[in-house]
C-alpha atoms as a PDB file:
ATOM      1  CA  MET A   1     -11.122 -38.889 -77.465  1.00  0.00           C
ATOM      2  CA  GLN A   2     -12.313 -42.433 -76.911  1.00  0.00           C
ATOM      3  CA  SER A   3     -12.278 -42.021 -73.064  1.00  0.00           C
ATOM      4  CA  GLN A   4     -14.361 -38.834 -73.247  1.00  0.00           C
ATOM      5  CA  ASN A   5     -17.031 -40.575 -75.346  1.00  0.00           C
ATOM      6  CA  SER A   6     -17.239 -43.535 -72.952  1.00  0.00           C
ATOM      7  CA  ALA A   7     -17.377 -41.151 -69.966  1.00  0.00           C
ATOM      8  CA  GLU A   8     -20.231 -39.241 -71.562  1.00  0.00           C
ATOM      9  CA  ALA A   9     -22.080 -42.464 -72.283  1.00  0.00           C
ATOM     10  CA  ILE A  10     -21.772 -43.486 -68.647  1.00  0.00           C
ATOM     11  CA  LEU A  11     -23.196 -40.164 -67.522  1.00  0.00           C
ATOM     12  CA  ARG A  12     -26.255 -40.650 -69.790  1.00  0.00           C
ATOM     13  CA  ILE A  13     -27.327 -43.906 -68.147  1.00  0.00           C
ATOM     14  CA  PRO A  14     -31.025 -43.568 -67.290  1.00  0.00           C
ATOM     15  CA  LYS A  15     -31.922 -43.478 -63.609  1.00  0.00           C
ATOM     16  CA  GLU A  16     -33.917 -46.727 -63.961  1.00  0.00           C
ATOM     17  CA  VAL A  17     -30.743 -48.549 -64.955  1.00  0.00           C
ATOM     18  CA  ASP A  18     -28.861 -47.077 -62.015  1.00  0.00           C
ATOM     19  CA  THR A  19     -31.374 -48.537 -59.554  1.00  0.00           C
ATOM     20  CA  ALA A  20     -31.060 -51.937 -61.174  1.00  0.00           C
ATOM     21  CA  LEU A  21     -27.440 -52.097 -60.158  1.00  0.00           C
ATOM     22  CA  GLU A  22     -27.741 -50.855 -56.599  1.00  0.00           C
ATOM     23  CA  ARG A  23     -28.480 -52.971 -53.427  1.00  0.00           C
ATOM     24  CA  HIS A  24     -32.079 -54.166 -53.118  1.00  0.00           C
ATOM     25  CA  TYR A  25     -33.559 -55.001 -49.690  1.00  0.00           C
ATOM     26  CA  SER A  26     -36.253 -57.524 -48.858  1.00  0.00           C
ATOM     27  CA  VAL A  27     -39.229 -56.497 -46.741  1.00  0.00           C
ATOM     28  CA  ASP A  28     -37.758 -58.448 -43.804  1.00  0.00           C
ATOM     29  CA  GLU A  29     -34.430 -56.629 -44.032  1.00  0.00           C
ATOM     30  CA  VAL A  30     -36.018 -53.170 -44.007  1.00  0.00           C
ATOM     31  CA  ALA A  31     -38.345 -54.211 -41.245  1.00  0.00           C
ATOM     32  CA  LYS A  32     -35.423 -55.344 -39.095  1.00  0.00           C
ATOM     33  CA  ILE A  33     -33.368 -52.227 -39.785  1.00  0.00           C
ATOM     34  CA  TRP A  34     -36.280 -49.835 -39.080  1.00  0.00           C
ATOM     35  CA  GLY A  35     -37.733 -51.898 -36.151  1.00  0.00           C
ATOM     36  CA  LEU A  36     -41.134 -52.157 -37.788  1.00  0.00           C
ATOM     37  CA  SER A  37     -43.383 -55.064 -38.762  1.00  0.00           C
ATOM     38  CA  ARG A  38     -43.318 -56.738 -42.153  1.00  0.00           C
ATOM     39  CA  ARG A  39     -46.929 -55.560 -42.734  1.00  0.00           C
ATOM     40  CA  THR A  40     -46.049 -51.908 -42.034  1.00  0.00           C
ATOM     41  CA  ILE A  41     -43.087 -52.016 -44.442  1.00  0.00           C
ATOM     42  CA  GLN A  42     -45.313 -53.666 -47.116  1.00  0.00           C
ATOM     43  CA  ARG A  43     -47.854 -50.801 -46.675  1.00  0.00           C
ATOM     44  CA  ILE A  44     -45.187 -48.124 -46.790  1.00  0.00           C
ATOM     45  CA  PHE A  45     -43.372 -49.478 -49.916  1.00  0.00           C
ATOM     46  CA  GLY A  46     -46.178 -51.315 -51.723  1.00  0.00           C
ATOM     47  CA  ASP A  47     -47.011 -48.497 -54.092  1.00  0.00           C
ATOM     48  CA  GLU A  48     -43.676 -46.625 -53.993  1.00  0.00           C
ATOM     49  CA  PRO A  49     -42.160 -45.848 -57.456  1.00  0.00           C
ATOM     50  CA  GLY A  50     -38.967 -47.840 -58.065  1.00  0.00           C
ATOM     51  CA  VAL A  51     -39.887 -50.848 -55.943  1.00  0.00           C
ATOM     52  CA  VAL A  52     -39.601 -54.184 -57.768  1.00  0.00           C
ATOM     53  CA  CYS A  53     -42.844 -56.083 -57.257  1.00  0.00           C
ATOM     54  CA  TRP A  54     -43.624 -59.539 -58.663  1.00  0.00           C
ATOM     55  CA  GLY A  55     -45.726 -62.553 -57.809  1.00  0.00           C
ATOM     56  CA  ASN A  56     -49.063 -64.223 -58.526  1.00  0.00           C
ATOM     57  CA  SER A  57     -52.344 -62.514 -58.145  1.00  0.00           C
ATOM     58  CA  GLU A  58     -55.094 -64.096 -56.040  1.00  0.00           C
ATOM     59  CA  SER A  59     -57.410 -66.513 -57.764  1.00  0.00           C
ATOM     60  CA  ARG A  60     -60.623 -68.135 -56.608  1.00  0.00           C
ATOM     61  CA  PHE A  61     -58.881 -71.000 -54.859  1.00  0.00           C
ATOM     62  CA  LYS A  62     -55.363 -69.811 -54.307  1.00  0.00           C
ATOM     63  CA  ARG A  63     -53.933 -66.985 -52.279  1.00  0.00           C
ATOM     64  CA  GLY A  64     -51.816 -64.507 -54.126  1.00  0.00           C
ATOM     65  CA  TYR A  65     -48.192 -63.841 -53.156  1.00  0.00           C
ATOM     66  CA  ILE A  66     -46.339 -60.680 -53.903  1.00  0.00           C
ATOM     67  CA  THR A  67     -42.549 -60.273 -53.409  1.00  0.00           C
ATOM     68  CA  LEU A  68     -41.055 -56.820 -53.002  1.00  0.00           C
ATOM     69  CA  ARG A  69     -37.407 -55.787 -53.486  1.00  0.00           C
ATOM     70  CA  ILE A  70     -36.683 -52.235 -52.429  1.00  0.00           C
ATOM     71  CA  PRO A  71     -33.689 -50.357 -53.918  1.00  0.00           C
ATOM     72  CA  GLU A  72     -31.456 -48.542 -51.492  1.00  0.00           C
ATOM     73  CA  SER A  73     -32.266 -45.143 -53.085  1.00  0.00           C
ATOM     74  CA  VAL A  74     -35.993 -45.711 -52.546  1.00  0.00           C
ATOM     75  CA  VAL A  75     -35.371 -46.669 -48.841  1.00  0.00           C
ATOM     76  CA  GLN A  76     -33.405 -43.416 -48.425  1.00  0.00           C
ATOM     77  CA  ARG A  77     -36.074 -41.342 -50.242  1.00  0.00           C
ATOM     78  CA  VAL A  78     -38.898 -42.748 -48.168  1.00  0.00           C
ATOM     79  CA  HIS A  79     -36.926 -42.269 -44.969  1.00  0.00           C
ATOM     80  CA  ARG A  80     -36.293 -38.598 -45.830  1.00  0.00           C
ATOM     81  CA  ARG A  81     -39.998 -38.074 -46.597  1.00  0.00           C
ATOM     82  CA  LEU A  82     -41.153 -39.744 -43.408  1.00  0.00           C
ATOM     83  CA  ARG A  83     -38.558 -37.912 -41.271  1.00  0.00           C
ATOM     84  CA  LYS A  84     -39.798 -34.562 -42.591  1.00  0.00           C
ATOM     85  CA  ALA A  85     -43.487 -35.504 -41.958  1.00  0.00           C
ATOM     86  CA  CYS A  86     -43.305 -35.285 -38.155  1.00  0.00           C
END
């Protein structure tokens, strides 16, 4: 009975936790794989749900820097969406 309970607990892991454990790509990695510029990848994935985004906002005297890490499932979802768009 113990193994069934642990198997059921594993199946109830929220999707957010699942993405935390999968491979995350940098903007440069996705740009190289897709053959696009860094700026284009930043525009495509900047507001995409599931992308990890952190950094400093821009201030009066200092430029802001944002770092994106893109989970593999998000890369696949966006690719499917863009592929169907044409």
